[in-house]
Amino acid sequence: MRVAVDAMGGDYGPDEIVLGAFQAAQEYEQEGIEIVLVGDQAQIIQALDRHGKWKEGNITVQHASEVIDMHDSPGAAVRKKKDASVVVATGLVKQGHCDVVISAGSTGGAVAAALFGLGRIKGIERPAIATPIPNLTGTTVLLDSGANVDSKPKHLVQNAIMGSIYAEYVLNIPRPRVGLLNIGEEESKGNEQAFTTYPLLTQLNSVNFIGNVEGRDIPKGTVDVVVCDGFVGNIVLKFGEGLASAILQLLKQSIKSGNLWTKLAAMLIMPTLRGLKKKLDHAEYGGAPLLGVNGGFIICHGSSRAKDIKSAIRVAKEFTEQEVVAHIRETIAKEGIVTNE
């Protein structure tokens, strides 16, 4: 298996990206995973040399002279910057040299590179980002979490199918429960998008649709896959990240400002607190797959550091081994879904 990593993307590229790839290469060396770091060759090699001895073959470098920045128009940048790191990395998958791409750069640029470079699975009009969110019982997959802000009911139906497949094959959730995010559980609640989408989801043979769900159902773990458009999904995701961070910070402040007994009690529960922090840390979950394109594509947080990238390579490994793209293609065909494009 070969993983193409956009080394220049994100707030901390290339150094942290390279470090995460270096650590993953060491961990997965016996499993035959090769990592191709894509970007400015001189900067990448300098970063590799700083982190220790690296093996040519286990890690290789593919030079790319350009980078798509956050302020660039995604579509225009992909067409204009042919030698951008994310474009070159995507091309390696398109040409069959690599199996999956990982990028922490501009989400818009990543989605555009995937669409132009890999194309869509037949029957999928708009790819979606499937983000795992920790809950009380395990994990809930939220999609779309930012690829498309204006989704139509047919797109949400496609999201339900793709999210269900990802939850089943990668997260090992048998017959995952799929819910439509709404302002109430009743079928009569919601806007026109929800009204139209609901009956379409009930007609799917491949999806275990349980009806409307509310935002509070995500952390409770009463649903395995939550379907919504990218505008709502991204707000839910960012709010959840901010809330988790704030809760942990409040706990720290309370412990520091407490008396001796409070601090002694904190020492006793410290292992539990560390476990909680680990469960809420997005670095543990690595990246989110862009589902619906003809190839593996993992999108990471813009603030990703080495730990995030290492985890993302694990996700890429699982995504590829479980043949998620093939399962989506097969299920979409069985459901008889066709697009107008």
C-alpha atoms as a PDB file:
ATOM      1  CA  MET A   1       0.000   0.000   0.000  1.00  0.00           C
ATOM      2  CA  ARG A   2       1.296   3.449  -0.923  1.00  0.00           C
ATOM      3  CA  VAL A   3       0.031   6.630   0.733  1.00  0.00           C
ATOM      4  CA  ALA A   4       0.547  10.054  -0.862  1.00  0.00           C
ATOM      5  CA  VAL A   5       0.840  12.787   1.773  1.00  0.00           C
ATOM      6  CA  ASP A   6       0.491  16.472   0.906  1.00  0.00           C
ATOM      7  CA  ALA A   7       3.457  17.644   2.968  1.00  0.00           C
ATOM      8  CA  MET A   8       2.886  21.362   2.409  1.00  0.00           C
ATOM      9  CA  GLY A   9      -0.725  21.626   3.550  1.00  0.00           C
ATOM     10  CA  GLY A  10      -1.998  22.835   6.912  1.00  0.00           C
ATOM     11  CA  ASP A  11      -0.800  25.360   9.457  1.00  0.00           C
ATOM     12  CA  TYR A  12       2.294  23.353  10.413  1.00  0.00           C
ATOM     13  CA  GLY A  13       3.475  21.909   7.115  1.00  0.00           C
ATOM     14  CA  PRO A  14       5.901  20.650   6.156  1.00  0.00           C
ATOM     15  CA  ASP A  15       7.672  19.943   9.474  1.00  0.00           C
ATOM     16  CA  GLU A  16       4.799  18.463  11.520  1.00  0.00           C
ATOM     17  CA  ILE A  17       3.352  16.703   8.477  1.00  0.00           C
ATOM     18  CA  VAL A  18       6.695  15.094   7.735  1.00  0.00           C
ATOM     19  CA  LEU A  19       7.168  14.096  11.386  1.00  0.00           C
ATOM     20  CA  GLY A  20       3.775  12.362  11.474  1.00  0.00           C
ATOM     21  CA  ALA A  21       4.552  10.528   8.236  1.00  0.00           C
ATOM     22  CA  PHE A  22       7.968   9.541   9.588  1.00  0.00           C
ATOM     23  CA  GLN A  23       6.422   8.094  12.749  1.00  0.00           C
ATOM     24  CA  ALA A  24       3.786   6.208  10.757  1.00  0.00           C
ATOM     25  CA  ALA A  25       6.425   4.814   8.405  1.00  0.00           C
ATOM     26  CA  GLN A  26       8.272   3.383  11.386  1.00  0.00           C
ATOM     27  CA  GLU A  27       5.118   1.910  12.953  1.00  0.00           C
ATOM     28  CA  TYR A  28       3.771   0.338   9.756  1.00  0.00           C
ATOM     29  CA  GLU A  29       7.095  -0.701   8.229  1.00  0.00           C
ATOM     30  CA  GLN A  30       6.432  -4.415   8.778  1.00  0.00           C
ATOM     31  CA  GLU A  31       3.039  -4.116   7.069  1.00  0.00           C
ATOM     32  CA  GLY A  32       4.582  -2.971   3.819  1.00  0.00           C
ATOM     33  CA  ILE A  33       3.174   0.553   3.800  1.00  0.00           C
ATOM     34  CA  GLU A  34       5.119   3.095   1.772  1.00  0.00           C
ATOM     35  CA  ILE A  35       4.658   6.848   2.160  1.00  0.00           C
ATOM     36  CA  VAL A  36       5.218   9.375  -0.609  1.00  0.00           C
ATOM     37  CA  LEU A  37       5.711  12.910   0.699  1.00  0.00           C
ATOM     38  CA  VAL A  38       4.639  15.452  -1.912  1.00  0.00           C
ATOM     39  CA  GLY A  39       5.858  19.044  -1.904  1.00  0.00           C
ATOM     40  CA  ASP A  40       9.037  21.110  -1.937  1.00  0.00           C
ATOM     41  CA  GLN A  41      11.756  18.461  -2.048  1.00  0.00           C
ATOM     42  CA  ALA A  42      14.430  20.499  -0.249  1.00  0.00           C
ATOM     43  CA  GLN A  43      12.154  21.428   2.661  1.00  0.00           C
ATOM     44  CA  ILE A  44      10.851  17.866   3.008  1.00  0.00           C
ATOM     45  CA  ILE A  45      14.321  16.295   3.053  1.00  0.00           C
ATOM     46  CA  GLN A  46      15.513  18.867   5.598  1.00  0.00           C
ATOM     47  CA  ALA A  47      12.546  17.989   7.816  1.00  0.00           C
ATOM     48  CA  LEU A  48      13.210  14.257   7.434  1.00  0.00           C
ATOM     49  CA  ASP A  49      16.863  14.689   8.365  1.00  0.00           C
ATOM     50  CA  ARG A  50      15.866  16.607  11.508  1.00  0.00           C
ATOM     51  CA  HIS A  51      13.668  13.747  12.722  1.00  0.00           C
ATOM     52  CA  GLY A  52      16.184  10.944  12.365  1.00  0.00           C
ATOM     53  CA  LYS A  53      17.296   8.208  10.033  1.00  0.00           C
ATOM     54  CA  TRP A  54      14.785   7.464   7.303  1.00  0.00           C
ATOM     55  CA  LYS A  55      14.719   4.702   4.740  1.00  0.00           C
ATOM     56  CA  GLU A  56      14.547   5.402   1.043  1.00  0.00           C
ATOM     57  CA  GLY A  57      11.751   3.167  -0.209  1.00  0.00           C
ATOM     58  CA  ASN A  58       9.712   3.193   2.954  1.00  0.00           C
ATOM     59  CA  ILE A  59       9.554   6.982   2.521  1.00  0.00           C
ATOM     60  CA  THR A  60      10.025   8.697  -0.823  1.00  0.00           C
ATOM     61  CA  VAL A  61       9.712  12.317  -1.924  1.00  0.00           C
ATOM     62  CA  GLN A  62       7.807  13.606  -4.951  1.00  0.00           C
ATOM     63  CA  HIS A  63       8.669  17.207  -5.747  1.00  0.00           C
ATOM     64  CA  ALA A  64       5.869  19.738  -6.245  1.00  0.00           C
ATOM     65  CA  SER A  65       6.716  23.412  -6.648  1.00  0.00           C
ATOM     66  CA  GLU A  66       3.366  25.030  -5.751  1.00  0.00           C
ATOM     67  CA  VAL A  67       0.895  25.154  -2.864  1.00  0.00           C
ATOM     68  CA  ILE A  68      -2.835  25.942  -2.792  1.00  0.00           C
ATOM     69  CA  ASP A  69      -3.333  28.518  -0.051  1.00  0.00           C
ATOM     70  CA  MET A  70      -6.413  29.065   2.112  1.00  0.00           C
ATOM     71  CA  HIS A  71      -7.227  32.323   0.319  1.00  0.00           C
ATOM     72  CA  ASP A  72      -7.076  30.756  -3.159  1.00  0.00           C
ATOM     73  CA  SER A  73     -10.283  30.051  -5.044  1.00  0.00           C
ATOM     74  CA  PRO A  74     -10.314  26.211  -4.937  1.00  0.00           C
ATOM     75  CA  GLY A  75     -11.482  25.448  -8.471  1.00  0.00           C
ATOM     76  CA  ALA A  76      -9.371  28.135 -10.117  1.00  0.00           C
ATOM     77  CA  ALA A  77      -6.307  27.204  -8.066  1.00  0.00           C
ATOM     78  CA  VAL A  78      -6.517  23.524  -9.017  1.00  0.00           C
ATOM     79  CA  ARG A  79      -6.768  24.434 -12.696  1.00  0.00           C
ATOM     80  CA  LYS A  80      -4.018  27.055 -12.534  1.00  0.00           C
ATOM     81  CA  LYS A  81      -1.556  25.449 -10.114  1.00  0.00           C
ATOM     82  CA  LYS A  82      -0.922  22.167 -11.887  1.00  0.00           C
ATOM     83  CA  ASP A  83       2.161  21.526  -9.763  1.00  0.00           C
ATOM     84  CA  ALA A  84       0.481  22.181  -6.404  1.00  0.00           C
ATOM     85  CA  SER A  85       1.293  19.529  -3.807  1.00  0.00           C
ATOM     86  CA  VAL A  86      -2.319  18.365  -3.345  1.00  0.00           C
ATOM     87  CA  VAL A  87      -2.843  18.207  -7.124  1.00  0.00           C
ATOM     88  CA  VAL A  88       0.328  16.176  -7.658  1.00  0.00           C
ATOM     89  CA  ALA A  89      -0.551  13.853  -4.749  1.00  0.00           C
ATOM     90  CA  THR A  90      -4.022  13.270  -6.206  1.00  0.00           C
ATOM     91  CA  GLY A  91      -2.466  12.570  -9.588  1.00  0.00           C
ATOM     92  CA  LEU A  92      -0.381   9.778  -8.046  1.00  0.00           C
ATOM     93  CA  VAL A  93      -3.616   8.014  -7.044  1.00  0.00           C
ATOM     94  CA  LYS A  94      -5.233   8.683 -10.417  1.00  0.00           C
ATOM     95  CA  GLN A  95      -2.213   7.170 -12.183  1.00  0.00           C
ATOM     96  CA  GLY A  96      -2.193   4.118  -9.901  1.00  0.00           C
ATOM     97  CA  HIS A  97       1.128   4.921  -8.215  1.00  0.00           C
ATOM     98  CA  CYS A  98      -0.552   5.425  -4.821  1.00  0.00           C
ATOM     99  CA  ASP A  99      -3.723   4.116  -3.201  1.00  0.00           C
ATOM    100  CA  VAL A 100      -4.866   7.090  -1.119  1.00  0.00           C
ATOM    101  CA  VAL A 101      -4.177  10.805  -0.562  1.00  0.00           C
ATOM    102  CA  ILE A 102      -3.873  12.651   2.764  1.00  0.00           C
ATOM    103  CA  SER A 103      -4.056  16.443   2.967  1.00  0.00           C
ATOM    104  CA  ALA A 104      -4.327  18.970   5.810  1.00  0.00           C
ATOM    105  CA  GLY A 105      -4.411  21.900   3.424  1.00  0.00           C
ATOM    106  CA  SER A 106      -7.338  23.968   2.190  1.00  0.00           C
ATOM    107  CA  THR A 107     -10.489  21.840   2.379  1.00  0.00           C
ATOM    108  CA  GLY A 108     -11.873  23.539  -0.708  1.00  0.00           C
ATOM    109  CA  GLY A 109      -8.632  22.896  -2.561  1.00  0.00           C
ATOM    110  CA  ALA A 110      -8.624  19.246  -1.467  1.00  0.00           C
ATOM    111  CA  VAL A 111     -12.219  18.687  -2.578  1.00  0.00           C
ATOM    112  CA  ALA A 112     -11.561  20.409  -5.919  1.00  0.00           C
ATOM    113  CA  ALA A 113      -8.373  18.386  -6.474  1.00  0.00           C
ATOM    114  CA  ALA A 114     -10.259  15.166  -5.750  1.00  0.00           C
ATOM    115  CA  LEU A 115     -13.140  16.075  -8.072  1.00  0.00           C
ATOM    116  CA  PHE A 116     -10.909  17.148 -10.956  1.00  0.00           C
ATOM    117  CA  GLY A 117      -8.273  14.489 -10.397  1.00  0.00           C
ATOM    118  CA  LEU A 118     -10.270  11.410  -9.418  1.00  0.00           C
ATOM    119  CA  GLY A 119     -13.808  12.136 -10.553  1.00  0.00           C
ATOM    120  CA  ARG A 120     -17.003  10.968  -8.863  1.00  0.00           C
ATOM    121  CA  ILE A 121     -18.373   7.499  -8.361  1.00  0.00           C
ATOM    122  CA  LYS A 122     -21.238   6.910 -10.782  1.00  0.00           C
ATOM    123  CA  GLY A 123     -24.453   7.816  -8.975  1.00  0.00           C
ATOM    124  CA  ILE A 124     -22.791  10.311  -6.622  1.00  0.00           C
ATOM    125  CA  GLU A 125     -23.295  13.948  -7.580  1.00  0.00           C
ATOM    126  CA  ARG A 126     -21.522  15.606  -4.672  1.00  0.00           C
ATOM    127  CA  PRO A 127     -18.881  13.966  -2.479  1.00  0.00           C
ATOM    128  CA  ALA A 128     -19.176  14.432   1.293  1.00  0.00           C
ATOM    129  CA  ILE A 129     -16.727  14.613   4.191  1.00  0.00           C
ATOM    130  CA  ALA A 130     -17.508  11.942   6.797  1.00  0.00           C
ATOM    131  CA  THR A 131     -16.211  13.034  10.205  1.00  0.00           C
ATOM    132  CA  PRO A 132     -16.139  10.656  13.206  1.00  0.00           C
ATOM    133  CA  ILE A 133     -17.375  12.243  16.454  1.00  0.00           C
ATOM    134  CA  PRO A 134     -16.868  10.528  19.841  1.00  0.00           C
ATOM    135  CA  ASN A 135     -20.021   9.784  21.842  1.00  0.00           C
ATOM    136  CA  LEU A 136     -20.949   8.045  25.107  1.00  0.00           C
ATOM    137  CA  THR A 137     -20.949   4.606  23.527  1.00  0.00           C
ATOM    138  CA  GLY A 138     -18.463   4.875  20.667  1.00  0.00           C
ATOM    139  CA  THR A 139     -18.446   6.970  17.513  1.00  0.00           C
ATOM    140  CA  THR A 140     -20.994   8.765  15.347  1.00  0.00           C
ATOM    141  CA  VAL A 141     -20.187   9.610  11.730  1.00  0.00           C
ATOM    142  CA  LEU A 142     -21.351  13.077  10.647  1.00  0.00           C
ATOM    143  CA  LEU A 143     -21.688  13.857   6.960  1.00  0.00           C
ATOM    144  CA  ASP A 144     -21.466  16.163   5.259  1.00  0.00           C
ATOM    145  CA  SER A 145     -19.178  18.186   7.509  1.00  0.00           C
ATOM    146  CA  GLY A 146     -18.105  20.812   5.013  1.00  0.00           C
ATOM    147  CA  ALA A 147     -17.686  19.721   1.399  1.00  0.00           C
ATOM    148  CA  ASN A 148     -21.043  21.126   0.194  1.00  0.00           C
ATOM    149  CA  VAL A 149     -22.982  23.877   1.938  1.00  0.00           C
ATOM    150  CA  ASP A 150     -26.115  23.670  -0.222  1.00  0.00           C
ATOM    151  CA  SER A 151     -27.213  20.057  -0.530  1.00  0.00           C
ATOM    152  CA  LYS A 152     -30.392  18.826  -2.161  1.00  0.00           C
ATOM    153  CA  PRO A 153     -32.427  15.892  -0.807  1.00  0.00           C
ATOM    154  CA  LYS A 154     -30.890  13.500  -3.357  1.00  0.00           C
ATOM    155  CA  HIS A 155     -27.433  14.443  -2.091  1.00  0.00           C
ATOM    156  CA  LEU A 156     -28.444  13.652   1.485  1.00  0.00           C
ATOM    157  CA  VAL A 157     -29.715  10.263   0.322  1.00  0.00           C
ATOM    158  CA  GLN A 158     -26.337   9.565  -1.250  1.00  0.00           C
ATOM    159  CA  ASN A 159     -24.650  10.711   1.974  1.00  0.00           C
ATOM    160  CA  ALA A 160     -26.750   8.246   3.976  1.00  0.00           C
ATOM    161  CA  ILE A 161     -25.589   5.345   1.823  1.00  0.00           C
ATOM    162  CA  MET A 162     -21.927   6.347   1.913  1.00  0.00           C
ATOM    163  CA  GLY A 163     -21.921   7.068   5.647  1.00  0.00           C
ATOM    164  CA  SER A 164     -23.571   3.752   6.409  1.00  0.00           C
ATOM    165  CA  ILE A 165     -20.942   1.881   4.394  1.00  0.00           C
ATOM    166  CA  TYR A 166     -18.074   3.715   6.095  1.00  0.00           C
ATOM    167  CA  ALA A 167     -19.494   3.071   9.569  1.00  0.00           C
ATOM    168  CA  GLU A 168     -19.967  -0.614   8.816  1.00  0.00           C
ATOM    169  CA  TYR A 169     -16.679  -1.444   7.123  1.00  0.00           C
ATOM    170  CA  VAL A 170     -14.200   0.910   8.824  1.00  0.00           C
ATOM    171  CA  LEU A 171     -15.764   1.533  12.246  1.00  0.00           C
ATOM    172  CA  ASN A 172     -17.071  -2.060  12.474  1.00  0.00           C
ATOM    173  CA  ILE A 173     -20.633  -1.069  13.355  1.00  0.00           C
ATOM    174  CA  PRO A 174     -23.047  -3.783  12.151  1.00  0.00           C
ATOM    175  CA  ARG A 175     -26.153  -2.376  10.467  1.00  0.00           C
ATOM    176  CA  PRO A 176     -25.436   1.215  11.563  1.00  0.00           C
ATOM    177  CA  ARG A 177     -28.386   3.383  12.595  1.00  0.00           C
ATOM    178  CA  VAL A 178     -28.758   6.323  10.223  1.00  0.00           C
ATOM    179  CA  GLY A 179     -30.594   9.489  11.249  1.00  0.00           C
ATOM    180  CA  LEU A 180     -31.545  12.718   9.474  1.00  0.00           C
ATOM    181  CA  LEU A 181     -30.474  15.768  11.513  1.00  0.00           C
ATOM    182  CA  ASN A 182     -33.519  17.890  12.293  1.00  0.00           C
ATOM    183  CA  ILE A 183     -35.000  20.222  14.919  1.00  0.00           C
ATOM    184  CA  GLY A 184     -37.242  17.482  16.254  1.00  0.00           C
ATOM    185  CA  GLU A 185     -37.845  13.756  16.039  1.00  0.00           C
ATOM    186  CA  GLU A 186     -41.350  14.066  14.604  1.00  0.00           C
ATOM    187  CA  GLU A 187     -41.720  13.442  10.894  1.00  0.00           C
ATOM    188  CA  SER A 188     -43.639  16.731  10.604  1.00  0.00           C
ATOM    189  CA  LYS A 189     -40.703  18.837  11.868  1.00  0.00           C
ATOM    190  CA  GLY A 190     -38.103  20.646   9.809  1.00  0.00           C
ATOM    191  CA  ASN A 191     -37.685  22.651   6.641  1.00  0.00           C
ATOM    192  CA  GLU A 192     -38.493  21.747   3.053  1.00  0.00           C
ATOM    193  CA  GLN A 193     -35.176  19.929   2.658  1.00  0.00           C
ATOM    194  CA  ALA A 194     -35.995  17.653   5.606  1.00  0.00           C
ATOM    195  CA  PHE A 195     -39.594  17.058   4.474  1.00  0.00           C
ATOM    196  CA  THR A 196     -38.426  15.930   1.041  1.00  0.00           C
ATOM    197  CA  THR A 197     -35.453  13.883   2.231  1.00  0.00           C
ATOM    198  CA  TYR A 198     -37.277  11.865   4.904  1.00  0.00           C
ATOM    199  CA  PRO A 199     -39.489   9.716   2.602  1.00  0.00           C
ATOM    200  CA  LEU A 200     -36.562   9.150   0.223  1.00  0.00           C
ATOM    201  CA  LEU A 201     -34.484   7.683   3.045  1.00  0.00           C
ATOM    202  CA  THR A 202     -37.279   5.321   4.069  1.00  0.00           C
ATOM    203  CA  GLN A 203     -37.171   3.786   0.580  1.00  0.00           C
ATOM    204  CA  LEU A 204     -33.506   2.720   0.768  1.00  0.00           C
ATOM    205  CA  ASN A 205     -32.876  -1.004   1.107  1.00  0.00           C
ATOM    206  CA  SER A 206     -29.224  -0.666   2.116  1.00  0.00           C
ATOM    207  CA  VAL A 207     -29.702   1.859   4.945  1.00  0.00           C
ATOM    208  CA  ASN A 208     -31.052   1.285   8.450  1.00  0.00           C
ATOM    209  CA  PHE A 209     -32.892   4.622   8.639  1.00  0.00           C
ATOM    210  CA  ILE A 210     -34.261   5.355  12.131  1.00  0.00           C
ATOM    211  CA  GLY A 211     -35.874   8.718  11.361  1.00  0.00           C
ATOM    212  CA  ASN A 212     -35.131  12.273  12.444  1.00  0.00           C
ATOM    213  CA  VAL A 213     -32.532  12.887  15.141  1.00  0.00           C
ATOM    214  CA  GLU A 214     -31.575  16.008  17.055  1.00  0.00           C
ATOM    215  CA  GLY A 215     -28.165  17.467  17.804  1.00  0.00           C
ATOM    216  CA  ARG A 216     -28.160  16.006  21.315  1.00  0.00           C
ATOM    217  CA  ASP A 217     -28.416  12.487  19.881  1.00  0.00           C
ATOM    218  CA  ILE A 218     -24.874  12.756  18.530  1.00  0.00           C
ATOM    219  CA  PRO A 219     -23.034  12.831  21.898  1.00  0.00           C
ATOM    220  CA  LYS A 220     -25.601  10.458  23.439  1.00  0.00           C
ATOM    221  CA  GLY A 221     -24.698   7.782  20.912  1.00  0.00           C
ATOM    222  CA  THR A 222     -28.275   6.933  19.950  1.00  0.00           C
ATOM    223  CA  VAL A 223     -27.350   7.151  16.255  1.00  0.00           C
ATOM    224  CA  ASP A 224     -24.334   5.870  14.308  1.00  0.00           C
ATOM    225  CA  VAL A 225     -24.563   8.023  11.174  1.00  0.00           C
ATOM    226  CA  VAL A 226     -26.003  11.549  11.033  1.00  0.00           C
ATOM    227  CA  VAL A 227     -26.907  13.050   7.666  1.00  0.00           C
ATOM    228  CA  CYS A 228     -27.077  16.790   6.993  1.00  0.00           C
ATOM    229  CA  ASP A 229     -25.751  19.381   4.551  1.00  0.00           C
ATOM    230  CA  GLY A 230     -22.226  20.714   4.856  1.00  0.00           C
ATOM    231  CA  PHE A 231     -23.251  24.104   6.232  1.00  0.00           C
ATOM    232  CA  VAL A 232     -25.058  22.648   9.235  1.00  0.00           C
ATOM    233  CA  GLY A 233     -22.576  19.798   9.628  1.00  0.00           C
ATOM    234  CA  ASN A 234     -19.549  22.068   9.800  1.00  0.00           C
ATOM    235  CA  ILE A 235     -21.212  24.239  12.460  1.00  0.00           C
ATOM    236  CA  VAL A 236     -22.077  21.151  14.524  1.00  0.00           C
ATOM    237  CA  LEU A 237     -18.512  19.859  14.199  1.00  0.00           C
ATOM    238  CA  LYS A 238     -16.779  23.121  15.117  1.00  0.00           C
ATOM    239  CA  PHE A 239     -19.169  23.746  18.027  1.00  0.00           C
ATOM    240  CA  GLY A 240     -18.497  20.254  19.363  1.00  0.00           C
ATOM    241  CA  GLU A 241     -14.727  20.722  19.123  1.00  0.00           C
ATOM    242  CA  GLY A 242     -14.941  24.076  20.886  1.00  0.00           C
ATOM    243  CA  LEU A 243     -17.219  22.760  23.628  1.00  0.00           C
ATOM    244  CA  ALA A 244     -14.979  19.766  24.339  1.00  0.00           C
ATOM    245  CA  SER A 245     -11.923  22.012  24.558  1.00  0.00           C
ATOM    246  CA  ALA A 246     -13.743  24.459  26.849  1.00  0.00           C
ATOM    247  CA  ILE A 247     -14.889  21.709  29.220  1.00  0.00           C
ATOM    248  CA  LEU A 248     -11.363  20.365  29.579  1.00  0.00           C
ATOM    249  CA  GLN A 249     -10.034  23.878  30.154  1.00  0.00           C
ATOM    250  CA  LEU A 250     -12.672  24.566  32.820  1.00  0.00           C
ATOM    251  CA  LEU A 251     -11.709  21.351  34.591  1.00  0.00           C
ATOM    252  CA  LYS A 252      -8.056  22.408  34.657  1.00  0.00           C
ATOM    253  CA  GLN A 253      -8.935  25.851  35.995  1.00  0.00           C
ATOM    254  CA  SER A 254     -11.152  24.372  38.713  1.00  0.00           C
ATOM    255  CA  ILE A 255      -8.401  22.027  39.836  1.00  0.00           C
ATOM    256  CA  LYS A 256      -5.747  24.769  39.913  1.00  0.00           C
ATOM    257  CA  SER A 257      -7.953  27.169  41.878  1.00  0.00           C
ATOM    258  CA  GLY A 258      -9.175  24.530  44.336  1.00  0.00           C
ATOM    259  CA  ASN A 259      -7.949  23.728  47.832  1.00  0.00           C
ATOM    260  CA  LEU A 260      -5.633  20.911  48.895  1.00  0.00           C
ATOM    261  CA  TRP A 261      -8.428  18.341  48.980  1.00  0.00           C
ATOM    262  CA  THR A 262      -9.511  19.291  45.470  1.00  0.00           C
ATOM    263  CA  LYS A 263      -5.973  18.824  44.177  1.00  0.00           C
ATOM    264  CA  LEU A 264      -5.591  15.480  45.953  1.00  0.00           C
ATOM    265  CA  ALA A 265      -8.873  14.297  44.470  1.00  0.00           C
ATOM    266  CA  ALA A 266      -7.722  15.474  41.053  1.00  0.00           C
ATOM    267  CA  MET A 267      -4.582  13.351  41.367  1.00  0.00           C
ATOM    268  CA  LEU A 268      -6.736  10.285  42.007  1.00  0.00           C
ATOM    269  CA  ILE A 269      -8.930  10.858  38.971  1.00  0.00           C
ATOM    270  CA  MET A 270      -6.099  12.021  36.704  1.00  0.00           C
ATOM    271  CA  PRO A 271      -5.961   8.739  34.731  1.00  0.00           C
ATOM    272  CA  THR A 272      -9.686   9.103  34.035  1.00  0.00           C
ATOM    273  CA  LEU A 273      -9.225  12.717  32.944  1.00  0.00           C
ATOM    274  CA  ARG A 274      -6.397  11.703  30.617  1.00  0.00           C
ATOM    275  CA  GLY A 275      -8.658   9.061  29.101  1.00  0.00           C
ATOM    276  CA  LEU A 276     -11.377  11.654  28.593  1.00  0.00           C
ATOM    277  CA  LYS A 277      -8.952  14.049  26.936  1.00  0.00           C
ATOM    278  CA  LYS A 278      -7.746  11.296  24.636  1.00  0.00           C
ATOM    279  CA  LYS A 279     -11.287  10.398  23.609  1.00  0.00           C
ATOM    280  CA  LEU A 280     -12.142  14.026  22.820  1.00  0.00           C
ATOM    281  CA  ASP A 281      -8.872  14.757  21.005  1.00  0.00           C
ATOM    282  CA  HIS A 282      -9.403  15.001  17.240  1.00  0.00           C
ATOM    283  CA  ALA A 283      -5.772  13.972  16.771  1.00  0.00           C
ATOM    284  CA  GLU A 284      -6.773  10.444  17.839  1.00  0.00           C
ATOM    285  CA  TYR A 285      -9.203  10.223  14.926  1.00  0.00           C
ATOM    286  CA  GLY A 286      -6.790  11.478  12.297  1.00  0.00           C
ATOM    287  CA  GLY A 287      -8.623  12.563   9.179  1.00  0.00           C
ATOM    288  CA  ALA A 288     -12.059  12.381   7.654  1.00  0.00           C
ATOM    289  CA  PRO A 289     -12.574  10.547   4.361  1.00  0.00           C
ATOM    290  CA  LEU A 290     -13.984  12.376   1.368  1.00  0.00           C
ATOM    291  CA  LEU A 291     -16.605   9.858   0.260  1.00  0.00           C
ATOM    292  CA  GLY A 292     -17.944   9.706  -3.266  1.00  0.00           C
ATOM    293  CA  VAL A 293     -14.797  10.155  -5.345  1.00  0.00           C
ATOM    294  CA  ASN A 294     -13.074   7.422  -7.341  1.00  0.00           C
ATOM    295  CA  GLY A 295     -10.211   6.878  -4.946  1.00  0.00           C
ATOM    296  CA  GLY A 296      -9.138   7.215  -1.341  1.00  0.00           C
ATOM    297  CA  PHE A 297      -8.878  10.775  -0.077  1.00  0.00           C
ATOM    298  CA  ILE A 298      -8.447  11.681   3.611  1.00  0.00           C
ATOM    299  CA  ILE A 299      -8.898  15.313   4.696  1.00  0.00           C
ATOM    300  CA  CYS A 300      -7.207  16.410   7.925  1.00  0.00           C
ATOM    301  CA  HIS A 301      -7.766  19.350  10.237  1.00  0.00           C
ATOM    302  CA  GLY A 302      -5.951  22.510   9.145  1.00  0.00           C
ATOM    303  CA  SER A 303      -4.205  22.653  12.524  1.00  0.00           C
ATOM    304  CA  SER A 304      -2.985  19.065  12.261  1.00  0.00           C
ATOM    305  CA  ARG A 305       0.281  18.184  13.930  1.00  0.00           C
ATOM    306  CA  ALA A 306       2.355  15.009  13.753  1.00  0.00           C
ATOM    307  CA  LYS A 307      -0.064  12.940  15.834  1.00  0.00           C
ATOM    308  CA  ASP A 308      -2.990  13.853  13.558  1.00  0.00           C
ATOM    309  CA  ILE A 309      -1.075  12.856  10.440  1.00  0.00           C
ATOM    310  CA  LYS A 310       0.066   9.578  11.942  1.00  0.00           C
ATOM    311  CA  SER A 311      -3.560   8.785  12.864  1.00  0.00           C
ATOM    312  CA  ALA A 312      -4.707   9.838   9.383  1.00  0.00           C
ATOM    313  CA  ILE A 313      -2.328   7.333   7.818  1.00  0.00           C
ATOM    314  CA  ARG A 314      -3.932   4.651   9.998  1.00  0.00           C
ATOM    315  CA  VAL A 315      -7.354   5.779   8.727  1.00  0.00           C
ATOM    316  CA  ALA A 316      -6.062   5.687   5.145  1.00  0.00           C
ATOM    317  CA  LYS A 317      -4.795   2.158   5.724  1.00  0.00           C
ATOM    318  CA  GLU A 318      -8.161   0.959   7.062  1.00  0.00           C
ATOM    319  CA  PHE A 319     -10.090   2.783   4.328  1.00  0.00           C
ATOM    320  CA  THR A 320      -8.019   1.124   1.615  1.00  0.00           C
ATOM    321  CA  GLU A 321      -7.974  -2.354   3.176  1.00  0.00           C
ATOM    322  CA  GLN A 322     -11.770  -2.353   3.565  1.00  0.00           C
ATOM    323  CA  GLU A 323     -12.266  -1.309  -0.083  1.00  0.00           C
ATOM    324  CA  VAL A 324     -14.743   1.422   0.853  1.00  0.00           C
ATOM    325  CA  VAL A 325     -14.828   2.924  -2.643  1.00  0.00           C
ATOM    326  CA  ALA A 326     -15.760  -0.439  -4.176  1.00  0.00           C
ATOM    327  CA  HIS A 327     -18.508  -0.994  -1.591  1.00  0.00           C
ATOM    328  CA  ILE A 328     -20.006   2.447  -2.273  1.00  0.00           C
ATOM    329  CA  ARG A 329     -19.897   1.850  -6.011  1.00  0.00           C
ATOM    330  CA  GLU A 330     -21.601  -1.530  -5.633  1.00  0.00           C
ATOM    331  CA  THR A 331     -24.322  -0.302  -3.237  1.00  0.00           C
ATOM    332  CA  ILE A 332     -25.163   2.781  -5.301  1.00  0.00           C
ATOM    333  CA  ALA A 333     -25.625   0.524  -8.332  1.00  0.00           C
ATOM    334  CA  LYS A 334     -27.872  -1.880  -6.374  1.00  0.00           C
ATOM    335  CA  GLU A 335     -30.051   1.001  -5.178  1.00  0.00           C
ATOM    336  CA  GLY A 336     -30.436   2.056  -8.800  1.00  0.00           C
ATOM    337  CA  ILE A 337     -29.294   5.616  -8.128  1.00  0.00           C
ATOM    338  CA  VAL A 338     -28.370   7.603 -11.212  1.00  0.00           C
ATOM    339  CA  THR A 339     -27.435  11.256 -11.616  1.00  0.00           C
ATOM    340  CA  ASN A 340     -28.447  13.827 -14.157  1.00  0.00           C
ATOM    341  CA  GLU A 341     -24.842  14.649 -14.875  1.00  0.00           C
END
